[in-house]
ModelCIF file with pLDDT and N, C-alpha, C, O atoms, coordinates in Angstrom:
data_MODEL
#
_entry.id   MODEL 
#
_entity.id                         1 
_entity.type                       polymer 
_entity.pdbx_number_of_molecules   1 
#
_entity_poly.entity_id                      1 
_entity_poly.type                           'polypeptide(L)' 
_entity_poly.nstd_linkage                   no 
_entity_poly.nstd_monomer                   no 
_entity_poly.pdbx_seq_one_letter_code       
;(UNK)(UNK)(UNK)(UNK)(UNK)(UNK)(UNK)(UNK)(UNK)(UNK)(UNK)(UNK)(UNK)(UNK)(UNK)(UNK)
(UNK)(UNK)(UNK)(UNK)(UNK)(UNK)(UNK)(UNK)(UNK)(UNK)(UNK)(UNK)(UNK)(UNK)(UNK)(UNK)
(UNK)(UNK)(UNK)(UNK)(UNK)
;
_entity_poly.pdbx_seq_one_letter_code_can   XXXXXXXXXXXXXXXXXXXXXXXXXXXXXXXXXXXXX 
_entity_poly.pdbx_strand_id                 A 
#
loop_
_entity_poly_seq.entity_id 
_entity_poly_seq.num 
_entity_poly_seq.mon_id 
_entity_poly_seq.hetero 
1 1  UNK n 
1 2  UNK n 
1 3  UNK n 
1 4  UNK n 
1 5  UNK n 
1 6  UNK n 
1 7  UNK n 
1 8  UNK n 
1 9  UNK n 
1 10 UNK n 
1 11 UNK n 
1 12 UNK n 
1 13 UNK n 
1 14 UNK n 
1 15 UNK n 
1 16 UNK n 
1 17 UNK n 
1 18 UNK n 
1 19 UNK n 
1 20 UNK n 
1 21 UNK n 
1 22 UNK n 
1 23 UNK n 
1 24 UNK n 
1 25 UNK n 
1 26 UNK n 
1 27 UNK n 
1 28 UNK n 
1 29 UNK n 
1 30 UNK n 
1 31 UNK n 
1 32 UNK n 
1 33 UNK n 
1 34 UNK n 
1 35 UNK n 
1 36 UNK n 
1 37 UNK n 
#
_struct_asym.id          A 
_struct_asym.entity_id   1 
#
loop_
_ma_qa_metric.id 
_ma_qa_metric.mode 
_ma_qa_metric.name 
_ma_qa_metric.software_group_id 
_ma_qa_metric.type 
1 global pLDDT . pLDDT 
2 local  pLDDT . pLDDT 
#
_ma_qa_metric_global.metric_id      1 
_ma_qa_metric_global.metric_value   97.49 
_ma_qa_metric_global.model_id       1 
_ma_qa_metric_global.ordinal_id     1 
#
loop_
_ma_qa_metric_local.label_asym_id 
_ma_qa_metric_local.label_comp_id 
_ma_qa_metric_local.label_seq_id 
_ma_qa_metric_local.metric_id 
_ma_qa_metric_local.metric_value 
_ma_qa_metric_local.model_id 
_ma_qa_metric_local.ordinal_id 
A UNK 1  2 96.00 1 1  
A UNK 2  2 97.00 1 2  
A UNK 3  2 97.00 1 3  
A UNK 4  2 97.00 1 4  
A UNK 5  2 98.00 1 5  
A UNK 6  2 98.00 1 6  
A UNK 7  2 98.00 1 7  
A UNK 8  2 98.00 1 8  
A UNK 9  2 98.00 1 9  
A UNK 10 2 98.00 1 10 
A UNK 11 2 98.00 1 11 
A UNK 12 2 98.00 1 12 
A UNK 13 2 98.00 1 13 
A UNK 14 2 96.00 1 14 
A UNK 15 2 96.00 1 15 
A UNK 16 2 97.00 1 16 
A UNK 17 2 98.00 1 17 
A UNK 18 2 98.00 1 18 
A UNK 19 2 98.00 1 19 
A UNK 20 2 98.00 1 20 
A UNK 21 2 98.00 1 21 
A UNK 22 2 98.00 1 22 
A UNK 23 2 98.00 1 23 
A UNK 24 2 98.00 1 24 
A UNK 25 2 98.00 1 25 
A UNK 26 2 98.00 1 26 
A UNK 27 2 98.00 1 27 
A UNK 28 2 97.00 1 28 
A UNK 29 2 98.00 1 29 
A UNK 30 2 98.00 1 30 
A UNK 31 2 98.00 1 31 
A UNK 32 2 97.00 1 32 
A UNK 33 2 97.00 1 33 
A UNK 34 2 97.00 1 34 
A UNK 35 2 97.00 1 35 
A UNK 36 2 96.00 1 36 
A UNK 37 2 96.00 1 37 
#
loop_
_atom_site.group_PDB 
_atom_site.id 
_atom_site.type_symbol 
_atom_site.label_atom_id 
_atom_site.label_alt_id 
_atom_site.label_comp_id 
_atom_site.label_asym_id 
_atom_site.label_entity_id 
_atom_site.label_seq_id 
_atom_site.pdbx_PDB_ins_code 
_atom_site.Cartn_x 
_atom_site.Cartn_y 
_atom_site.Cartn_z 
_atom_site.occupancy 
_atom_site.B_iso_or_equiv 
_atom_site.pdbx_formal_charge 
_atom_site.auth_seq_id 
_atom_site.auth_comp_id 
_atom_site.auth_asym_id 
_atom_site.auth_atom_id 
_atom_site.pdbx_PDB_model_num 
ATOM 1   N N  . UNK A 1 1  ? 0.825   -1.215 0.000  1.00 96.00 ? 1  UNK A N  1 
ATOM 2   C CA . UNK A 1 1  ? 0.000   0.000  0.000  1.00 96.00 ? 1  UNK A CA 1 
ATOM 3   C C  . UNK A 1 1  ? 0.854   1.257  0.000  1.00 96.00 ? 1  UNK A C  1 
ATOM 4   O O  . UNK A 1 1  ? 1.883   1.330  0.672  1.00 96.00 ? 1  UNK A O  1 
ATOM 5   N N  . UNK A 1 2  ? 0.407   2.243  -0.766 1.00 97.00 ? 2  UNK A N  1 
ATOM 6   C CA . UNK A 1 2  ? 1.109   3.524  -0.830 1.00 97.00 ? 2  UNK A CA 1 
ATOM 7   C C  . UNK A 1 2  ? 0.282   4.650  -0.222 1.00 97.00 ? 2  UNK A C  1 
ATOM 8   O O  . UNK A 1 2  ? 0.703   5.806  -0.237 1.00 97.00 ? 2  UNK A O  1 
ATOM 9   N N  . UNK A 1 3  ? -0.888  4.322  0.310  1.00 97.00 ? 3  UNK A N  1 
ATOM 10  C CA . UNK A 1 3  ? -1.782  5.312  0.901  1.00 97.00 ? 3  UNK A CA 1 
ATOM 11  C C  . UNK A 1 3  ? -2.737  4.590  1.840  1.00 97.00 ? 3  UNK A C  1 
ATOM 12  O O  . UNK A 1 3  ? -2.833  3.363  1.817  1.00 97.00 ? 3  UNK A O  1 
ATOM 13  N N  . UNK A 1 4  ? -3.434  5.348  2.658  1.00 97.00 ? 4  UNK A N  1 
ATOM 14  C CA . UNK A 1 4  ? -4.550  4.787  3.392  1.00 97.00 ? 4  UNK A CA 1 
ATOM 15  C C  . UNK A 1 4  ? -5.814  5.544  2.993  1.00 97.00 ? 4  UNK A C  1 
ATOM 16  O O  . UNK A 1 4  ? -5.779  6.741  2.706  1.00 97.00 ? 4  UNK A O  1 
ATOM 17  N N  . UNK A 1 5  ? -6.919  4.822  2.984  1.00 98.00 ? 5  UNK A N  1 
ATOM 18  C CA . UNK A 1 5  ? -8.219  5.432  2.723  1.00 98.00 ? 5  UNK A CA 1 
ATOM 19  C C  . UNK A 1 5  ? -8.766  5.895  4.067  1.00 98.00 ? 5  UNK A C  1 
ATOM 20  O O  . UNK A 1 5  ? -8.992  5.088  4.969  1.00 98.00 ? 5  UNK A O  1 
ATOM 21  N N  . UNK A 1 6  ? -8.972  7.187  4.189  1.00 98.00 ? 6  UNK A N  1 
ATOM 22  C CA . UNK A 1 6  ? -9.259  7.786  5.495  1.00 98.00 ? 6  UNK A CA 1 
ATOM 23  C C  . UNK A 1 6  ? -10.685 8.306  5.541  1.00 98.00 ? 6  UNK A C  1 
ATOM 24  O O  . UNK A 1 6  ? -11.080 9.133  4.720  1.00 98.00 ? 6  UNK A O  1 
ATOM 25  N N  . UNK A 1 7  ? -11.465 7.810  6.517  1.00 98.00 ? 7  UNK A N  1 
ATOM 26  C CA . UNK A 1 7  ? -12.881 8.157  6.621  1.00 98.00 ? 7  UNK A CA 1 
ATOM 27  C C  . UNK A 1 7  ? -13.106 9.355  7.539  1.00 98.00 ? 7  UNK A C  1 
ATOM 28  O O  . UNK A 1 7  ? -12.541 9.435  8.630  1.00 98.00 ? 7  UNK A O  1 
ATOM 29  N N  . UNK A 1 8  ? -13.938 10.279 7.077  1.00 98.00 ? 8  UNK A N  1 
ATOM 30  C CA . UNK A 1 8  ? -14.363 11.446 7.854  1.00 98.00 ? 8  UNK A CA 1 
ATOM 31  C C  . UNK A 1 8  ? -15.882 11.551 7.728  1.00 98.00 ? 8  UNK A C  1 
ATOM 32  O O  . UNK A 1 8  ? -16.427 11.452 6.629  1.00 98.00 ? 8  UNK A O  1 
ATOM 33  N N  . UNK A 1 9  ? -16.556 11.751 8.846  1.00 98.00 ? 9  UNK A N  1 
ATOM 34  C CA . UNK A 1 9  ? -18.011 11.755 8.861  1.00 98.00 ? 9  UNK A CA 1 
ATOM 35  C C  . UNK A 1 9  ? -18.517 12.896 9.735  1.00 98.00 ? 9  UNK A C  1 
ATOM 36  O O  . UNK A 1 9  ? -17.878 13.268 10.720 1.00 98.00 ? 9  UNK A O  1 
ATOM 37  N N  . UNK A 1 10 ? -19.662 13.444 9.369  1.00 98.00 ? 10 UNK A N  1 
ATOM 38  C CA . UNK A 1 10 ? -20.255 14.555 10.109 1.00 98.00 ? 10 UNK A CA 1 
ATOM 39  C C  . UNK A 1 10 ? -21.750 14.330 10.266 1.00 98.00 ? 10 UNK A C  1 
ATOM 40  O O  . UNK A 1 10 ? -22.427 13.930 9.319  1.00 98.00 ? 10 UNK A O  1 
ATOM 41  N N  . UNK A 1 11 ? -22.260 14.585 11.459 1.00 98.00 ? 11 UNK A N  1 
ATOM 42  C CA . UNK A 1 11 ? -23.702 14.577 11.705 1.00 98.00 ? 11 UNK A CA 1 
ATOM 43  C C  . UNK A 1 11 ? -24.052 15.912 12.348 1.00 98.00 ? 11 UNK A C  1 
ATOM 44  O O  . UNK A 1 11 ? -23.539 16.250 13.414 1.00 98.00 ? 11 UNK A O  1 
ATOM 45  N N  . UNK A 1 12 ? -24.936 16.675 11.689 1.00 98.00 ? 12 UNK A N  1 
ATOM 46  C CA . UNK A 1 12 ? -25.342 17.984 12.197 1.00 98.00 ? 12 UNK A CA 1 
ATOM 47  C C  . UNK A 1 12 ? -26.832 17.973 12.506 1.00 98.00 ? 12 UNK A C  1 
ATOM 48  O O  . UNK A 1 12 ? -27.623 17.383 11.770 1.00 98.00 ? 12 UNK A O  1 
ATOM 49  N N  . UNK A 1 13 ? -27.208 18.630 13.599 1.00 98.00 ? 13 UNK A N  1 
ATOM 50  C CA . UNK A 1 13 ? -28.601 18.788 13.993 1.00 98.00 ? 13 UNK A CA 1 
ATOM 51  C C  . UNK A 1 13 ? -28.982 20.246 13.789 1.00 98.00 ? 13 UNK A C  1 
ATOM 52  O O  . UNK A 1 13 ? -28.780 21.081 14.671 1.00 98.00 ? 13 UNK A O  1 
ATOM 53  N N  . UNK A 1 14 ? -29.539 20.546 12.612 1.00 96.00 ? 14 UNK A N  1 
ATOM 54  C CA . UNK A 1 14 ? -29.869 21.923 12.297 1.00 96.00 ? 14 UNK A CA 1 
ATOM 55  C C  . UNK A 1 14 ? -28.667 22.813 12.506 1.00 96.00 ? 14 UNK A C  1 
ATOM 56  O O  . UNK A 1 14 ? -27.588 22.555 11.974 1.00 96.00 ? 14 UNK A O  1 
ATOM 57  N N  . UNK A 1 15 ? -28.861 23.864 13.285 1.00 96.00 ? 15 UNK A N  1 
ATOM 58  C CA . UNK A 1 15 ? -27.759 24.766 13.622 1.00 96.00 ? 15 UNK A CA 1 
ATOM 59  C C  . UNK A 1 15 ? -27.357 24.648 15.093 1.00 96.00 ? 15 UNK A C  1 
ATOM 60  O O  . UNK A 1 15 ? -26.660 25.518 15.614 1.00 96.00 ? 15 UNK A O  1 
ATOM 61  N N  . UNK A 1 16 ? -27.802 23.553 15.780 1.00 97.00 ? 16 UNK A N  1 
ATOM 62  C CA . UNK A 1 16 ? -27.573 23.463 17.209 1.00 97.00 ? 16 UNK A CA 1 
ATOM 63  C C  . UNK A 1 16 ? -26.328 22.663 17.580 1.00 97.00 ? 16 UNK A C  1 
ATOM 64  O O  . UNK A 1 16 ? -25.702 22.953 18.600 1.00 97.00 ? 16 UNK A O  1 
ATOM 65  N N  . UNK A 1 17 ? -25.947 21.653 16.772 1.00 98.00 ? 17 UNK A N  1 
ATOM 66  C CA . UNK A 1 17 ? -24.791 20.818 17.106 1.00 98.00 ? 17 UNK A CA 1 
ATOM 67  C C  . UNK A 1 17 ? -24.256 20.149 15.851 1.00 98.00 ? 17 UNK A C  1 
ATOM 68  O O  . UNK A 1 17 ? -25.020 19.673 15.011 1.00 98.00 ? 17 UNK A O  1 
ATOM 69  N N  . UNK A 1 18 ? -22.930 20.120 15.733 1.00 98.00 ? 18 UNK A N  1 
ATOM 70  C CA . UNK A 1 18 ? -22.264 19.417 14.643 1.00 98.00 ? 18 UNK A CA 1 
ATOM 71  C C  . UNK A 1 18 ? -21.258 18.445 15.238 1.00 98.00 ? 18 UNK A C  1 
ATOM 72  O O  . UNK A 1 18 ? -20.343 18.845 15.957 1.00 98.00 ? 18 UNK A O  1 
ATOM 73  N N  . UNK A 1 19 ? -21.436 17.163 14.932 1.00 98.00 ? 19 UNK A N  1 
ATOM 74  C CA . UNK A 1 19 ? -20.540 16.113 15.421 1.00 98.00 ? 19 UNK A CA 1 
ATOM 75  C C  . UNK A 1 19 ? -19.646 15.659 14.276 1.00 98.00 ? 19 UNK A C  1 
ATOM 76  O O  . UNK A 1 19 ? -20.134 15.299 13.205 1.00 98.00 ? 19 UNK A O  1 
ATOM 77  N N  . UNK A 1 20 ? -18.343 15.676 14.503 1.00 98.00 ? 20 UNK A N  1 
ATOM 78  C CA . UNK A 1 20 ? -17.372 15.242 13.501 1.00 98.00 ? 20 UNK A CA 1 
ATOM 79  C C  . UNK A 1 20 ? -16.664 13.994 14.001 1.00 98.00 ? 20 UNK A C  1 
ATOM 80  O O  . UNK A 1 20 ? -16.238 13.929 15.154 1.00 98.00 ? 20 UNK A O  1 
ATOM 81  N N  . UNK A 1 21 ? -16.540 12.998 13.120 1.00 98.00 ? 21 UNK A N  1 
ATOM 82  C CA . UNK A 1 21 ? -15.948 11.712 13.470 1.00 98.00 ? 21 UNK A CA 1 
ATOM 83  C C  . UNK A 1 21 ? -14.734 11.459 12.575 1.00 98.00 ? 21 UNK A C  1 
ATOM 84  O O  . UNK A 1 21 ? -14.857 11.407 11.351 1.00 98.00 ? 21 UNK A O  1 
ATOM 85  N N  . UNK A 1 22 ? -13.558 11.302 13.196 1.00 98.00 ? 22 UNK A N  1 
ATOM 86  C CA . UNK A 1 22 ? -12.311 11.089 12.466 1.00 98.00 ? 22 UNK A CA 1 
ATOM 87  C C  . UNK A 1 22 ? -11.811 9.671  12.726 1.00 98.00 ? 22 UNK A C  1 
ATOM 88  O O  . UNK A 1 22 ? -11.849 9.191  13.859 1.00 98.00 ? 22 UNK A O  1 
ATOM 89  N N  . UNK A 1 23 ? -11.346 9.011  11.679 1.00 98.00 ? 23 UNK A N  1 
ATOM 90  C CA . UNK A 1 23 ? -10.835 7.646  11.807 1.00 98.00 ? 23 UNK A CA 1 
ATOM 91  C C  . UNK A 1 23 ? -9.457  7.640  12.464 1.00 98.00 ? 23 UNK A C  1 
ATOM 92  O O  . UNK A 1 23 ? -8.744  8.643  12.466 1.00 98.00 ? 23 UNK A O  1 
ATOM 93  N N  . UNK A 1 24 ? -9.105  6.483  13.021 1.00 98.00 ? 24 UNK A N  1 
ATOM 94  C CA . UNK A 1 24 ? -7.763  6.275  13.525 1.00 98.00 ? 24 UNK A CA 1 
ATOM 95  C C  . UNK A 1 24 ? -7.502  6.920  14.871 1.00 98.00 ? 24 UNK A C  1 
ATOM 96  O O  . UNK A 1 24 ? -8.393  7.490  15.501 1.00 98.00 ? 24 UNK A O  1 
ATOM 97  N N  . UNK A 1 25 ? -6.247  6.810  15.291 1.00 98.00 ? 25 UNK A N  1 
ATOM 98  C CA . UNK A 1 25 ? -5.805  7.370  16.572 1.00 98.00 ? 25 UNK A CA 1 
ATOM 99  C C  . UNK A 1 25 ? -5.344  8.804  16.347 1.00 98.00 ? 25 UNK A C  1 
ATOM 100 O O  . UNK A 1 25 ? -4.195  9.055  15.984 1.00 98.00 ? 25 UNK A O  1 
ATOM 101 N N  . UNK A 1 26 ? -6.253  9.727  16.569 1.00 98.00 ? 26 UNK A N  1 
ATOM 102 C CA . UNK A 1 26 ? -6.030  11.127 16.218 1.00 98.00 ? 26 UNK A CA 1 
ATOM 103 C C  . UNK A 1 26 ? -5.500  11.881 17.431 1.00 98.00 ? 26 UNK A C  1 
ATOM 104 O O  . UNK A 1 26 ? -6.026  11.738 18.535 1.00 98.00 ? 26 UNK A O  1 
ATOM 105 N N  . UNK A 1 27 ? -4.466  12.679 17.227 1.00 98.00 ? 27 UNK A N  1 
ATOM 106 C CA . UNK A 1 27 ? -3.842  13.403 18.340 1.00 98.00 ? 27 UNK A CA 1 
ATOM 107 C C  . UNK A 1 27 ? -4.630  14.661 18.693 1.00 98.00 ? 27 UNK A C  1 
ATOM 108 O O  . UNK A 1 27 ? -5.480  15.117 17.929 1.00 98.00 ? 27 UNK A O  1 
ATOM 109 N N  . UNK A 1 28 ? -4.328  15.209 19.863 1.00 97.00 ? 28 UNK A N  1 
ATOM 110 C CA . UNK A 1 28 ? -5.088  16.340 20.402 1.00 97.00 ? 28 UNK A CA 1 
ATOM 111 C C  . UNK A 1 28 ? -5.013  17.579 19.528 1.00 97.00 ? 28 UNK A C  1 
ATOM 112 O O  . UNK A 1 28 ? -5.935  18.395 19.542 1.00 97.00 ? 28 UNK A O  1 
ATOM 113 N N  . UNK A 1 29 ? -3.942  17.738 18.771 1.00 98.00 ? 29 UNK A N  1 
ATOM 114 C CA . UNK A 1 29 ? -3.809  18.930 17.926 1.00 98.00 ? 29 UNK A CA 1 
ATOM 115 C C  . UNK A 1 29 ? -5.009  19.115 17.003 1.00 98.00 ? 29 UNK A C  1 
ATOM 116 O O  . UNK A 1 29 ? -5.410  20.247 16.730 1.00 98.00 ? 29 UNK A O  1 
ATOM 117 N N  . UNK A 1 30 ? -5.588  18.011 16.519 1.00 98.00 ? 30 UNK A N  1 
ATOM 118 C CA . UNK A 1 30 ? -6.714  18.117 15.582 1.00 98.00 ? 30 UNK A CA 1 
ATOM 119 C C  . UNK A 1 30 ? -7.952  18.678 16.272 1.00 98.00 ? 30 UNK A C  1 
ATOM 120 O O  . UNK A 1 30 ? -8.574  19.617 15.774 1.00 98.00 ? 30 UNK A O  1 
ATOM 121 N N  . UNK A 1 31 ? -8.308  18.102 17.420 1.00 98.00 ? 31 UNK A N  1 
ATOM 122 C CA . UNK A 1 31 ? -9.476  18.608 18.113 1.00 98.00 ? 31 UNK A CA 1 
ATOM 123 C C  . UNK A 1 31 ? -9.317  20.058 18.513 1.00 98.00 ? 31 UNK A C  1 
ATOM 124 O O  . UNK A 1 31 ? -10.242 20.855 18.363 1.00 98.00 ? 31 UNK A O  1 
ATOM 125 N N  . UNK A 1 32 ? -8.133  20.406 19.027 1.00 97.00 ? 32 UNK A N  1 
ATOM 126 C CA . UNK A 1 32 ? -7.889  21.778 19.438 1.00 97.00 ? 32 UNK A CA 1 
ATOM 127 C C  . UNK A 1 32 ? -7.914  22.730 18.247 1.00 97.00 ? 32 UNK A C  1 
ATOM 128 O O  . UNK A 1 32 ? -8.446  23.835 18.342 1.00 97.00 ? 32 UNK A O  1 
ATOM 129 N N  . UNK A 1 33 ? -7.341  22.301 17.134 1.00 97.00 ? 33 UNK A N  1 
ATOM 130 C CA . UNK A 1 33 ? -7.338  23.168 15.954 1.00 97.00 ? 33 UNK A CA 1 
ATOM 131 C C  . UNK A 1 33 ? -8.754  23.366 15.413 1.00 97.00 ? 33 UNK A C  1 
ATOM 132 O O  . UNK A 1 33 ? -9.157  24.494 15.126 1.00 97.00 ? 33 UNK A O  1 
ATOM 133 N N  . UNK A 1 34 ? -9.511  22.272 15.273 1.00 97.00 ? 34 UNK A N  1 
ATOM 134 C CA . UNK A 1 34 ? -10.855 22.396 14.717 1.00 97.00 ? 34 UNK A CA 1 
ATOM 135 C C  . UNK A 1 34 ? -11.740 23.262 15.603 1.00 97.00 ? 34 UNK A C  1 
ATOM 136 O O  . UNK A 1 34 ? -12.576 24.017 15.106 1.00 97.00 ? 34 UNK A O  1 
ATOM 137 N N  . UNK A 1 35 ? -11.556 23.153 16.908 1.00 97.00 ? 35 UNK A N  1 
ATOM 138 C CA . UNK A 1 35 ? -12.368 23.982 17.809 1.00 97.00 ? 35 UNK A CA 1 
ATOM 139 C C  . UNK A 1 35 ? -11.928 25.438 17.786 1.00 97.00 ? 35 UNK A C  1 
ATOM 140 O O  . UNK A 1 35 ? -12.663 26.314 18.244 1.00 97.00 ? 35 UNK A O  1 
ATOM 141 N N  . UNK A 1 36 ? -10.747 25.706 17.262 1.00 96.00 ? 36 UNK A N  1 
ATOM 142 C CA . UNK A 1 36 ? -10.311 27.102 17.117 1.00 96.00 ? 36 UNK A CA 1 
ATOM 143 C C  . UNK A 1 36 ? -10.752 27.693 15.789 1.00 96.00 ? 36 UNK A C  1 
ATOM 144 O O  . UNK A 1 36 ? -10.904 28.908 15.670 1.00 96.00 ? 36 UNK A O  1 
ATOM 145 N N  . UNK A 1 37 ? -10.959 26.843 14.790 1.00 96.00 ? 37 UNK A N  1 
ATOM 146 C CA . UNK A 1 37 ? -11.327 27.333 13.462 1.00 96.00 ? 37 UNK A CA 1 
ATOM 147 C C  . UNK A 1 37 ? -12.832 27.322 13.214 1.00 96.00 ? 37 UNK A C  1 
ATOM 148 O O  . UNK A 1 37 ? -13.283 27.709 12.136 1.00 96.00 ? 37 UNK A O  1 
#
């Protein structure tokens, strides 16, 4: 293999909540960055 197929999923409830699901063992930098952006 020369790549991995990486799954990203989102479930949003209107404008009240957005849940993002990232595959694999994701480090804290991602959650902190996304919550800043």
